[in-house]
Amino acid sequence: MNWKCDVVTDLAPMYHDGVASVASRKLVEEHLRECPECRNYYKKYRPVEGIKMETPVSAQADFVKLAKQMRKRRLLLWGGFLSYVSATVVALVAYYVRKNDK
């Protein structure tokens, strides 16, 4: 086994799941064409008959979901802050109006 075989066996799970980079996929595909040992090793990552494999959620979809959650939280925080400031201003105005009326 040479160093390329080591790299391909490390990349095989990511290649199978579709999360390897373009350069990594190219390296794995080229090597699998040439190396029967690595082809046999990779066969264990193929889906087993009768078992439905779930597709992994992409990182981009996770990022979009997280961004939406953060945006909601930010809006809630700003809404709470503005409500607090508004209530404080109303209370101060009421206090000074009442104080000046006496």
PDB file of N, CA and C in Angstrom:
ATOM      1  N   MET A   1       0.846  -1.183   0.000  1.00  0.00           N
ATOM      2  CA  MET A   1       0.000   0.000   0.000  1.00  0.00           C
ATOM      3  C   MET A   1       0.888   1.241   0.000  1.00  0.00           C
ATOM      4  N   ASN A   2       0.645   2.148  -0.915  1.00  0.00           N
ATOM      5  CA  ASN A   2       1.442   3.368  -0.951  1.00  0.00           C
ATOM      6  C   ASN A   2       0.697   4.524  -0.303  1.00  0.00           C
ATOM      7  N   TRP A   3       1.280   5.696  -0.322  1.00  0.00           N
ATOM      8  CA  TRP A   3       0.674   6.836   0.370  1.00  0.00           C
ATOM      9  C   TRP A   3      -0.653   7.229  -0.254  1.00  0.00           C
ATOM     10  N   LYS A   4      -0.814   7.033  -1.579  1.00  0.00           N
ATOM     11  CA  LYS A   4      -2.097   7.361  -2.202  1.00  0.00           C
ATOM     12  C   LYS A   4      -3.208   6.465  -1.658  1.00  0.00           C
ATOM     13  N   CYS A   5      -2.891   5.199  -1.430  1.00  0.00           N
ATOM     14  CA  CYS A   5      -3.884   4.287  -0.860  1.00  0.00           C
ATOM     15  C   CYS A   5      -4.310   4.763   0.524  1.00  0.00           C
ATOM     16  N   ASP A   6      -3.344   5.215   1.319  1.00  0.00           N
ATOM     17  CA  ASP A   6      -3.668   5.737   2.649  1.00  0.00           C
ATOM     18  C   ASP A   6      -4.606   6.944   2.559  1.00  0.00           C
ATOM     19  N   VAL A   7      -4.308   7.835   1.629  1.00  0.00           N
ATOM     20  CA  VAL A   7      -5.138   9.028   1.460  1.00  0.00           C
ATOM     21  C   VAL A   7      -6.540   8.640   0.997  1.00  0.00           C
ATOM     22  N   VAL A   8      -6.622   7.719   0.051  1.00  0.00           N
ATOM     23  CA  VAL A   8      -7.925   7.299  -0.475  1.00  0.00           C
ATOM     24  C   VAL A   8      -8.751   6.614   0.604  1.00  0.00           C
ATOM     25  N   THR A   9      -8.136   5.770   1.419  1.00  0.00           N
ATOM     26  CA  THR A   9      -8.906   5.119   2.490  1.00  0.00           C
ATOM     27  C   THR A   9      -9.382   6.150   3.518  1.00  0.00           C
ATOM     28  N   ASP A  10      -8.612   7.200   3.733  1.00  0.00           N
ATOM     29  CA  ASP A  10      -9.063   8.276   4.633  1.00  0.00           C
ATOM     30  C   ASP A  10     -10.218   9.070   4.029  1.00  0.00           C
ATOM     31  N   LEU A  11     -10.175   9.257   2.710  1.00  0.00           N
ATOM     32  CA  LEU A  11     -11.191  10.062   2.034  1.00  0.00           C
ATOM     33  C   LEU A  11     -12.448   9.273   1.654  1.00  0.00           C
ATOM     34  N   ALA A  12     -12.375   7.939   1.679  1.00  0.00           N
ATOM     35  CA  ALA A  12     -13.486   7.111   1.206  1.00  0.00           C
ATOM     36  C   ALA A  12     -14.822   7.439   1.889  1.00  0.00           C
ATOM     37  N   PRO A  13     -14.881   7.600   3.209  1.00  0.00           N
ATOM     38  CA  PRO A  13     -16.175   7.933   3.829  1.00  0.00           C
ATOM     39  C   PRO A  13     -16.729   9.284   3.362  1.00  0.00           C
ATOM     40  N   MET A  14     -15.868  10.288   3.250  1.00  0.00           N
ATOM     41  CA  MET A  14     -16.325  11.600   2.793  1.00  0.00           C
ATOM     42  C   MET A  14     -16.726  11.556   1.329  1.00  0.00           C
ATOM     43  N   TYR A  15     -15.973  10.812   0.526  1.00  0.00           N
ATOM     44  CA  TYR A  15     -16.309  10.652  -0.886  1.00  0.00           C
ATOM     45  C   TYR A  15     -17.679   9.988  -1.013  1.00  0.00           C
ATOM     46  N   HIS A  16     -17.901   8.942  -0.243  1.00  0.00           N
ATOM     47  CA  HIS A  16     -19.182   8.222  -0.291  1.00  0.00           C
ATOM     48  C   HIS A  16     -20.345   9.115   0.121  1.00  0.00           C
ATOM     49  N   ASP A  17     -20.150   9.935   1.166  1.00  0.00           N
ATOM     50  CA  ASP A  17     -21.225  10.795   1.670  1.00  0.00           C
ATOM     51  C   ASP A  17     -21.431  12.041   0.821  1.00  0.00           C
ATOM     52  N   GLY A  18     -20.528  12.280  -0.142  1.00  0.00           N
ATOM     53  CA  GLY A  18     -20.664  13.429  -1.028  1.00  0.00           C
ATOM     54  C   GLY A  18     -20.221  14.742  -0.424  1.00  0.00           C
ATOM     55  N   VAL A  19     -19.364  14.693   0.602  1.00  0.00           N
ATOM     56  CA  VAL A  19     -18.902  15.929   1.238  1.00  0.00           C
ATOM     57  C   VAL A  19     -17.434  16.226   0.954  1.00  0.00           C
ATOM     58  N   ALA A  20     -16.781  15.382   0.157  1.00  0.00           N
ATOM     59  CA  ALA A  20     -15.386  15.621  -0.189  1.00  0.00           C
ATOM     60  C   ALA A  20     -15.303  16.767  -1.196  1.00  0.00           C
ATOM     61  N   SER A  21     -14.192  17.474  -1.176  1.00  0.00           N
ATOM     62  CA  SER A  21     -14.000  18.570  -2.122  1.00  0.00           C
ATOM     63  C   SER A  21     -13.863  18.027  -3.538  1.00  0.00           C
ATOM     64  N   VAL A  22     -13.936  18.918  -4.509  1.00  0.00           N
ATOM     65  CA  VAL A  22     -13.816  18.510  -5.912  1.00  0.00           C
ATOM     66  C   VAL A  22     -12.458  17.855  -6.161  1.00  0.00           C
ATOM     67  N   ALA A  23     -11.409  18.444  -5.616  1.00  0.00           N
ATOM     68  CA  ALA A  23     -10.062  17.888  -5.810  1.00  0.00           C
ATOM     69  C   ALA A  23      -9.944  16.507  -5.167  1.00  0.00           C
ATOM     70  N   SER A  24     -10.531  16.340  -3.983  1.00  0.00           N
ATOM     71  CA  SER A  24     -10.485  15.041  -3.303  1.00  0.00           C
ATOM     72  C   SER A  24     -11.270  13.993  -4.073  1.00  0.00           C
ATOM     73  N   ARG A  25     -12.447  14.386  -4.577  1.00  0.00           N
ATOM     74  CA  ARG A  25     -13.239  13.436  -5.371  1.00  0.00           C
ATOM     75  C   ARG A  25     -12.471  12.985  -6.604  1.00  0.00           C
ATOM     76  N   LYS A  26     -11.823  13.922  -7.269  1.00  0.00           N
ATOM     77  CA  LYS A  26     -11.053  13.595  -8.473  1.00  0.00           C
ATOM     78  C   LYS A  26      -9.925  12.624  -8.134  1.00  0.00           C
ATOM     79  N   LEU A  27      -9.218  12.888  -7.045  1.00  0.00           N
ATOM     80  CA  LEU A  27      -8.119  12.017  -6.629  1.00  0.00           C
ATOM     81  C   LEU A  27      -8.628  10.610  -6.322  1.00  0.00           C
ATOM     82  N   VAL A  28      -9.739  10.517  -5.592  1.00  0.00           N
ATOM     83  CA  VAL A  28     -10.302   9.209  -5.231  1.00  0.00           C
ATOM     84  C   VAL A  28     -10.742   8.454  -6.484  1.00  0.00           C
ATOM     85  N   GLU A  29     -11.454   9.142  -7.377  1.00  0.00           N
ATOM     86  CA  GLU A  29     -11.942   8.480  -8.585  1.00  0.00           C
ATOM     87  C   GLU A  29     -10.801   7.962  -9.458  1.00  0.00           C
ATOM     88  N   GLU A  30      -9.763   8.776  -9.634  1.00  0.00           N
ATOM     89  CA  GLU A  30      -8.613   8.345 -10.426  1.00  0.00           C
ATOM     90  C   GLU A  30      -7.928   7.145  -9.780  1.00  0.00           C
ATOM     91  N   HIS A  31      -7.776   7.195  -8.473  1.00  0.00           N
ATOM     92  CA  HIS A  31      -7.078   6.110  -7.780  1.00  0.00           C
ATOM     93  C   HIS A  31      -7.901   4.821  -7.799  1.00  0.00           C
ATOM     94  N   LEU A  32      -9.221   4.939  -7.637  1.00  0.00           N
ATOM     95  CA  LEU A  32     -10.063   3.737  -7.639  1.00  0.00           C
ATOM     96  C   LEU A  32     -10.039   3.026  -8.995  1.00  0.00           C
ATOM     97  N   ARG A  33      -9.852   3.790 -10.066  1.00  0.00           N
ATOM     98  CA  ARG A  33      -9.733   3.164 -11.390  1.00  0.00           C
ATOM     99  C   ARG A  33      -8.463   2.317 -11.498  1.00  0.00           C
ATOM    100  N   GLU A  34      -7.414   2.727 -10.791  1.00  0.00           N
ATOM    101  CA  GLU A  34      -6.105   2.079 -10.922  1.00  0.00           C
ATOM    102  C   GLU A  34      -5.833   1.002  -9.875  1.00  0.00           C
ATOM    103  N   CYS A  35      -6.447   1.085  -8.713  1.00  0.00           N
ATOM    104  CA  CYS A  35      -6.067   0.232  -7.584  1.00  0.00           C
ATOM    105  C   CYS A  35      -7.192  -0.725  -7.181  1.00  0.00           C
ATOM    106  N   PRO A  36      -7.037  -2.015  -7.447  1.00  0.00           N
ATOM    107  CA  PRO A  36      -8.084  -2.974  -7.080  1.00  0.00           C
ATOM    108  C   PRO A  36      -8.261  -3.115  -5.564  1.00  0.00           C
ATOM    109  N   GLU A  37      -7.181  -2.961  -4.786  1.00  0.00           N
ATOM    110  CA  GLU A  37      -7.296  -3.069  -3.323  1.00  0.00           C
ATOM    111  C   GLU A  37      -8.198  -1.972  -2.767  1.00  0.00           C
ATOM    112  N   CYS A  38      -8.010  -0.771  -3.256  1.00  0.00           N
ATOM    113  CA  CYS A  38      -8.825   0.344  -2.772  1.00  0.00           C
ATOM    114  C   CYS A  38     -10.260   0.230  -3.273  1.00  0.00           C
ATOM    115  N   ARG A  39     -10.451  -0.312  -4.477  1.00  0.00           N
ATOM    116  CA  ARG A  39     -11.815  -0.540  -4.963  1.00  0.00           C
ATOM    117  C   ARG A  39     -12.542  -1.501  -4.032  1.00  0.00           C
ATOM    118  N   ASN A  40     -11.865  -2.569  -3.619  1.00  0.00           N
ATOM    119  CA  ASN A  40     -12.471  -3.527  -2.688  1.00  0.00           C
ATOM    120  C   ASN A  40     -12.765  -2.870  -1.341  1.00  0.00           C
ATOM    121  N   TYR A  41     -11.848  -2.029  -0.876  1.00  0.00           N
ATOM    122  CA  TYR A  41     -12.045  -1.319   0.385  1.00  0.00           C
ATOM    123  C   TYR A  41     -13.263  -0.399   0.281  1.00  0.00           C
ATOM    124  N   TYR A  42     -13.389   0.289  -0.857  1.00  0.00           N
ATOM    125  CA  TYR A  42     -14.489   1.240  -1.035  1.00  0.00           C
ATOM    126  C   TYR A  42     -15.841   0.543  -1.113  1.00  0.00           C
ATOM    127  N   LYS A  43     -15.869  -0.692  -1.560  1.00  0.00           N
ATOM    128  CA  LYS A  43     -17.140  -1.412  -1.704  1.00  0.00           C
ATOM    129  C   LYS A  43     -17.905  -1.490  -0.387  1.00  0.00           C
ATOM    130  N   LYS A  44     -17.210  -1.462   0.734  1.00  0.00           N
ATOM    131  CA  LYS A  44     -17.920  -1.563   2.017  1.00  0.00           C
ATOM    132  C   LYS A  44     -18.714  -0.293   2.333  1.00  0.00           C
ATOM    133  N   TYR A  45     -18.475   0.791   1.585  1.00  0.00           N
ATOM    134  CA  TYR A  45     -19.228   2.024   1.797  1.00  0.00           C
ATOM    135  C   TYR A  45     -20.466   2.109   0.924  1.00  0.00           C
ATOM    136  N   ARG A  46     -20.675   1.146   0.063  1.00  0.00           N
ATOM    137  CA  ARG A  46     -21.883   1.151  -0.763  1.00  0.00           C
ATOM    138  C   ARG A  46     -23.072   0.756   0.104  1.00  0.00           C
ATOM    139  N   PRO A  47     -24.257   1.277  -0.198  1.00  0.00           N
ATOM    140  CA  PRO A  47     -25.437   0.935   0.602  1.00  0.00           C
ATOM    141  C   PRO A  47     -25.774  -0.547   0.506  1.00  0.00           C
ATOM    142  N   VAL A  48     -26.224  -1.113   1.612  1.00  0.00           N
ATOM    143  CA  VAL A  48     -26.598  -2.517   1.671  1.00  0.00           C
ATOM    144  C   VAL A  48     -28.015  -2.644   1.127  1.00  0.00           C
ATOM    145  N   GLU A  49     -28.279  -3.716   0.374  1.00  0.00           N
ATOM    146  CA  GLU A  49     -29.616  -3.942  -0.190  1.00  0.00           C
ATOM    147  C   GLU A  49     -30.657  -4.005   0.922  1.00  0.00           C
ATOM    148  N   GLY A  50     -31.777  -3.345   0.728  1.00  0.00           N
ATOM    149  CA  GLY A  50     -32.871  -3.408   1.684  1.00  0.00           C
ATOM    150  C   GLY A  50     -32.787  -2.379   2.795  1.00  0.00           C
ATOM    151  N   ILE A  51     -31.660  -1.702   2.931  1.00  0.00           N
ATOM    152  CA  ILE A  51     -31.516  -0.674   3.962  1.00  0.00           C
ATOM    153  C   ILE A  51     -31.526   0.681   3.269  1.00  0.00           C
ATOM    154  N   LYS A  52     -32.463   1.509   3.681  1.00  0.00           N
ATOM    155  CA  LYS A  52     -32.568   2.830   3.082  1.00  0.00           C
ATOM    156  C   LYS A  52     -31.591   3.772   3.778  1.00  0.00           C
ATOM    157  N   MET A  53     -30.709   4.363   2.999  1.00  0.00           N
ATOM    158  CA  MET A  53     -29.727   5.297   3.550  1.00  0.00           C
ATOM    159  C   MET A  53     -30.332   6.694   3.544  1.00  0.00           C
ATOM    160  N   GLU A  54     -30.178   7.400   4.645  1.00  0.00           N
ATOM    161  CA  GLU A  54     -30.646   8.776   4.692  1.00  0.00           C
ATOM    162  C   GLU A  54     -29.614   9.664   4.021  1.00  0.00           C
ATOM    163  N   THR A  55     -30.094  10.648   3.297  1.00  0.00           N
ATOM    164  CA  THR A  55     -29.167  11.583   2.679  1.00  0.00           C
ATOM    165  C   THR A  55     -28.732  12.593   3.717  1.00  0.00           C
ATOM    166  N   PRO A  56     -27.452  12.894   3.790  1.00  0.00           N
ATOM    167  CA  PRO A  56     -26.984  13.850   4.785  1.00  0.00           C
ATOM    168  C   PRO A  56     -27.468  15.263   4.446  1.00  0.00           C
ATOM    169  N   VAL A  57     -27.767  16.013   5.491  1.00  0.00           N
ATOM    170  CA  VAL A  57     -28.194  17.397   5.298  1.00  0.00           C
ATOM    171  C   VAL A  57     -26.958  18.207   4.934  1.00  0.00           C
ATOM    172  N   SER A  58     -27.097  19.028   3.942  1.00  0.00           N
ATOM    173  CA  SER A  58     -25.936  19.795   3.501  1.00  0.00           C
ATOM    174  C   SER A  58     -25.581  20.858   4.527  1.00  0.00           C
ATOM    175  N   ALA A  59     -24.330  21.227   4.534  1.00  0.00           N
ATOM    176  CA  ALA A  59     -23.852  22.252   5.464  1.00  0.00           C
ATOM    177  C   ALA A  59     -24.510  23.594   5.153  1.00  0.00           C
ATOM    178  N   GLN A  60     -24.790  23.837   3.884  1.00  0.00           N
ATOM    179  CA  GLN A  60     -25.411  25.100   3.511  1.00  0.00           C
ATOM    180  C   GLN A  60     -26.818  25.198   4.102  1.00  0.00           C
ATOM    181  N   ALA A  61     -27.570  24.120   4.076  1.00  0.00           N
ATOM    182  CA  ALA A  61     -28.915  24.128   4.641  1.00  0.00           C
ATOM    183  C   ALA A  61     -28.850  24.368   6.145  1.00  0.00           C
ATOM    184  N   ASP A  62     -27.865  23.764   6.812  1.00  0.00           N
ATOM    185  CA  ASP A  62     -27.690  23.994   8.250  1.00  0.00           C
ATOM    186  C   ASP A  62     -27.366  25.448   8.524  1.00  0.00           C
ATOM    187  N   PHE A  63     -26.519  26.031   7.678  1.00  0.00           N
ATOM    188  CA  PHE A  63     -26.128  27.429   7.865  1.00  0.00           C
ATOM    189  C   PHE A  63     -27.327  28.354   7.679  1.00  0.00           C
ATOM    190  N   VAL A  64     -28.151  28.099   6.672  1.00  0.00           N
ATOM    191  CA  VAL A  64     -29.330  28.926   6.420  1.00  0.00           C
ATOM    192  C   VAL A  64     -30.292  28.843   7.609  1.00  0.00           C
ATOM    193  N   LYS A  65     -30.483  27.637   8.126  1.00  0.00           N
ATOM    194  CA  LYS A  65     -31.376  27.454   9.286  1.00  0.00           C
ATOM    195  C   LYS A  65     -30.834  28.211  10.501  1.00  0.00           C
ATOM    196  N   LEU A  66     -29.542  28.104  10.742  1.00  0.00           N
ATOM    197  CA  LEU A  66     -28.927  28.807  11.865  1.00  0.00           C
ATOM    198  C   LEU A  66     -29.027  30.315  11.691  1.00  0.00           C
ATOM    199  N   ALA A  67     -28.821  30.806  10.466  1.00  0.00           N
ATOM    200  CA  ALA A  67     -28.916  32.244  10.204  1.00  0.00           C
ATOM    201  C   ALA A  67     -30.322  32.753  10.483  1.00  0.00           C
ATOM    202  N   LYS A  68     -31.354  31.981  10.106  1.00  0.00           N
ATOM    203  CA  LYS A  68     -32.733  32.381  10.371  1.00  0.00           C
ATOM    204  C   LYS A  68     -33.009  32.439  11.874  1.00  0.00           C
ATOM    205  N   GLN A  69     -32.496  31.444  12.607  1.00  0.00           N
ATOM    206  CA  GLN A  69     -32.689  31.426  14.060  1.00  0.00           C
ATOM    207  C   GLN A  69     -32.012  32.634  14.705  1.00  0.00           C
ATOM    208  N   MET A  70     -30.813  32.946  14.247  1.00  0.00           N
ATOM    209  CA  MET A  70     -30.086  34.090  14.809  1.00  0.00           C
ATOM    210  C   MET A  70     -30.808  35.400  14.495  1.00  0.00           C
ATOM    211  N   ARG A  71     -31.362  35.516  13.289  1.00  0.00           N
ATOM    212  CA  ARG A  71     -32.086  36.718  12.901  1.00  0.00           C
ATOM    213  C   ARG A  71     -33.326  36.896  13.792  1.00  0.00           C
ATOM    214  N   LYS A  72     -34.052  35.793  14.055  1.00  0.00           N
ATOM    215  CA  LYS A  72     -35.225  35.862  14.933  1.00  0.00           C
ATOM    216  C   LYS A  72     -34.823  36.310  16.338  1.00  0.00           C
ATOM    217  N   ARG A  73     -33.752  35.719  16.855  1.00  0.00           N
ATOM    218  CA  ARG A  73     -33.303  36.081  18.204  1.00  0.00           C
ATOM    219  C   ARG A  73     -32.883  37.545  18.274  1.00  0.00           C
ATOM    220  N   ARG A  74     -32.184  38.004  17.233  1.00  0.00           N
ATOM    221  CA  ARG A  74     -31.740  39.396  17.194  1.00  0.00           C
ATOM    222  C   ARG A  74     -32.951  40.329  17.179  1.00  0.00           C
ATOM    223  N   LEU A  75     -33.969  40.000  16.376  1.00  0.00           N
ATOM    224  CA  LEU A  75     -35.181  40.825  16.334  1.00  0.00           C
ATOM    225  C   LEU A  75     -35.893  40.848  17.688  1.00  0.00           C
ATOM    226  N   LEU A  76     -35.958  39.692  18.340  1.00  0.00           N
ATOM    227  CA  LEU A  76     -36.586  39.638  19.662  1.00  0.00           C
ATOM    228  C   LEU A  76     -35.806  40.472  20.678  1.00  0.00           C
ATOM    229  N   LEU A  77     -34.490  40.382  20.629  1.00  0.00           N
ATOM    230  CA  LEU A  77     -33.675  41.173  21.561  1.00  0.00           C
ATOM    231  C   LEU A  77     -33.858  42.666  21.323  1.00  0.00           C
ATOM    232  N   TRP A  78     -33.836  43.084  20.060  1.00  0.00           N
ATOM    233  CA  TRP A  78     -34.028  44.499  19.754  1.00  0.00           C
ATOM    234  C   TRP A  78     -35.433  44.952  20.144  1.00  0.00           C
ATOM    235  N   GLY A  79     -36.425  44.106  19.898  1.00  0.00           N
ATOM    236  CA  GLY A  79     -37.790  44.450  20.295  1.00  0.00           C
ATOM    237  C   GLY A  79     -37.899  44.634  21.797  1.00  0.00           C
ATOM    238  N   GLY A  80     -37.293  43.736  22.549  1.00  0.00           N
ATOM    239  CA  GLY A  80     -37.300  43.864  24.003  1.00  0.00           C
ATOM    240  C   GLY A  80     -36.568  45.104  24.473  1.00  0.00           C
ATOM    241  N   PHE A  81     -35.436  45.377  23.865  1.00  0.00           N
ATOM    242  CA  PHE A  81     -34.655  46.560  24.227  1.00  0.00           C
ATOM    243  C   PHE A  81     -35.432  47.842  23.939  1.00  0.00           C
ATOM    244  N   LEU A  82     -36.034  47.912  22.738  1.00  0.00           N
ATOM    245  CA  LEU A  82     -36.795  49.111  22.379  1.00  0.00           C
ATOM    246  C   LEU A  82     -38.016  49.279  23.272  1.00  0.00           C
ATOM    247  N   SER A  83     -38.650  48.183  23.663  1.00  0.00           N
ATOM    248  CA  SER A  83     -39.787  48.260  24.587  1.00  0.00           C
ATOM    249  C   SER A  83     -39.340  48.805  25.938  1.00  0.00           C
ATOM    250  N   TYR A  84     -38.208  48.341  26.416  1.00  0.00           N
ATOM    251  CA  TYR A  84     -37.666  48.801  27.698  1.00  0.00           C
ATOM    252  C   TYR A  84     -37.352  50.296  27.645  1.00  0.00           C
ATOM    253  N   VAL A  85     -36.680  50.704  26.573  1.00  0.00           N
ATOM    254  CA  VAL A  85     -36.322  52.122  26.431  1.00  0.00           C
ATOM    255  C   VAL A  85     -37.582  52.971  26.326  1.00  0.00           C
ATOM    256  N   SER A  86     -38.568  52.519  25.557  1.00  0.00           N
ATOM    257  CA  SER A  86     -39.824  53.278  25.412  1.00  0.00           C
ATOM    258  C   SER A  86     -40.530  53.410  26.758  1.00  0.00           C
ATOM    259  N   ALA A  87     -40.611  52.333  27.499  1.00  0.00           N
ATOM    260  CA  ALA A  87     -41.256  52.363  28.810  1.00  0.00           C
ATOM    261  C   ALA A  87     -40.514  53.302  29.751  1.00  0.00           C
ATOM    262  N   THR A  88     -39.198  53.301  29.693  1.00  0.00           N
ATOM    263  CA  THR A  88     -38.391  54.179  30.549  1.00  0.00           C
ATOM    264  C   THR A  88     -38.629  55.639  30.186  1.00  0.00           C
ATOM    265  N   VAL A  89     -38.666  55.951  28.907  1.00  0.00           N
ATOM    266  CA  VAL A  89     -38.905  57.334  28.461  1.00  0.00           C
ATOM    267  C   VAL A  89     -40.291  57.795  28.893  1.00  0.00           C
ATOM    268  N   VAL A  90     -41.300  56.954  28.706  1.00  0.00           N
ATOM    269  CA  VAL A  90     -42.665  57.308  29.113  1.00  0.00           C
ATOM    270  C   VAL A  90     -42.714  57.546  30.621  1.00  0.00           C
ATOM    271  N   ALA A  91     -42.053  56.701  31.394  1.00  0.00           N
ATOM    272  CA  ALA A  91     -42.043  56.857  32.851  1.00  0.00           C
ATOM    273  C   ALA A  91     -41.345  58.152  33.259  1.00  0.00           C
ATOM    274  N   LEU A  92     -40.229  58.466  32.602  1.00  0.00           N
ATOM    275  CA  LEU A  92     -39.520  59.716  32.930  1.00  0.00           C
ATOM    276  C   LEU A  92     -40.330  60.940  32.550  1.00  0.00           C
ATOM    277  N   VAL A  93     -40.965  60.915  31.404  1.00  0.00           N
ATOM    278  CA  VAL A  93     -41.801  62.052  30.994  1.00  0.00           C
ATOM    279  C   VAL A  93     -42.954  62.219  31.983  1.00  0.00           C
ATOM    280  N   ALA A  94     -43.596  61.133  32.347  1.00  0.00           N
ATOM    281  CA  ALA A  94     -44.704  61.206  33.307  1.00  0.00           C
ATOM    282  C   ALA A  94     -44.212  61.759  34.647  1.00  0.00           C
ATOM    283  N   TYR A  95     -43.052  61.346  35.084  1.00  0.00           N
ATOM    284  CA  TYR A  95     -42.494  61.820  36.349  1.00  0.00           C
ATOM    285  C   TYR A  95     -42.251  63.330  36.298  1.00  0.00           C
ATOM    286  N   TYR A  96     -41.610  63.807  35.208  1.00  0.00           N
ATOM    287  CA  TYR A  96     -41.302  65.235  35.120  1.00  0.00           C
ATOM    288  C   TYR A  96     -42.555  66.079  34.915  1.00  0.00           C
ATOM    289  N   VAL A  97     -43.545  65.555  34.212  1.00  0.00           N
ATOM    290  CA  VAL A  97     -44.810  66.294  34.041  1.00  0.00           C
ATOM    291  C   VAL A  97     -45.511  66.422  35.379  1.00  0.00           C
ATOM    292  N   ARG A  98     -45.557  65.347  36.127  1.00  0.00           N
ATOM    293  CA  ARG A  98     -46.205  65.345  37.434  1.00  0.00           C
ATOM    294  C   ARG A  98     -45.444  66.257  38.405  1.00  0.00           C
ATOM    295  N   LYS A  99     -44.119  66.257  38.319  1.00  0.00           N
ATOM    296  CA  LYS A  99     -43.289  67.077  39.222  1.00  0.00           C
ATOM    297  C   LYS A  99     -43.484  68.551  38.912  1.00  0.00           C
ATOM    298  N   ASN A 100     -43.591  68.900  37.624  1.00  0.00           N
ATOM    299  CA  ASN A 100     -43.760  70.323  37.237  1.00  0.00           C
ATOM    300  C   ASN A 100     -45.166  70.825  37.499  1.00  0.00           C
ATOM    301  N   ASP A 101     -46.159  69.946  37.583  1.00  0.00           N
ATOM    302  CA  ASP A 101     -47.546  70.348  37.856  1.00  0.00           C
ATOM    303  C   ASP A 101     -47.730  70.773  39.310  1.00  0.00           C
ATOM    304  N   LYS A 102     -46.912  70.331  40.207  1.00  0.00           N
ATOM    305  CA  LYS A 102     -47.073  70.626  41.632  1.00  0.00           C
ATOM    306  C   LYS A 102     -46.634  72.007  41.978  1.00  0.00           C
TER     307      LYS A 102
END
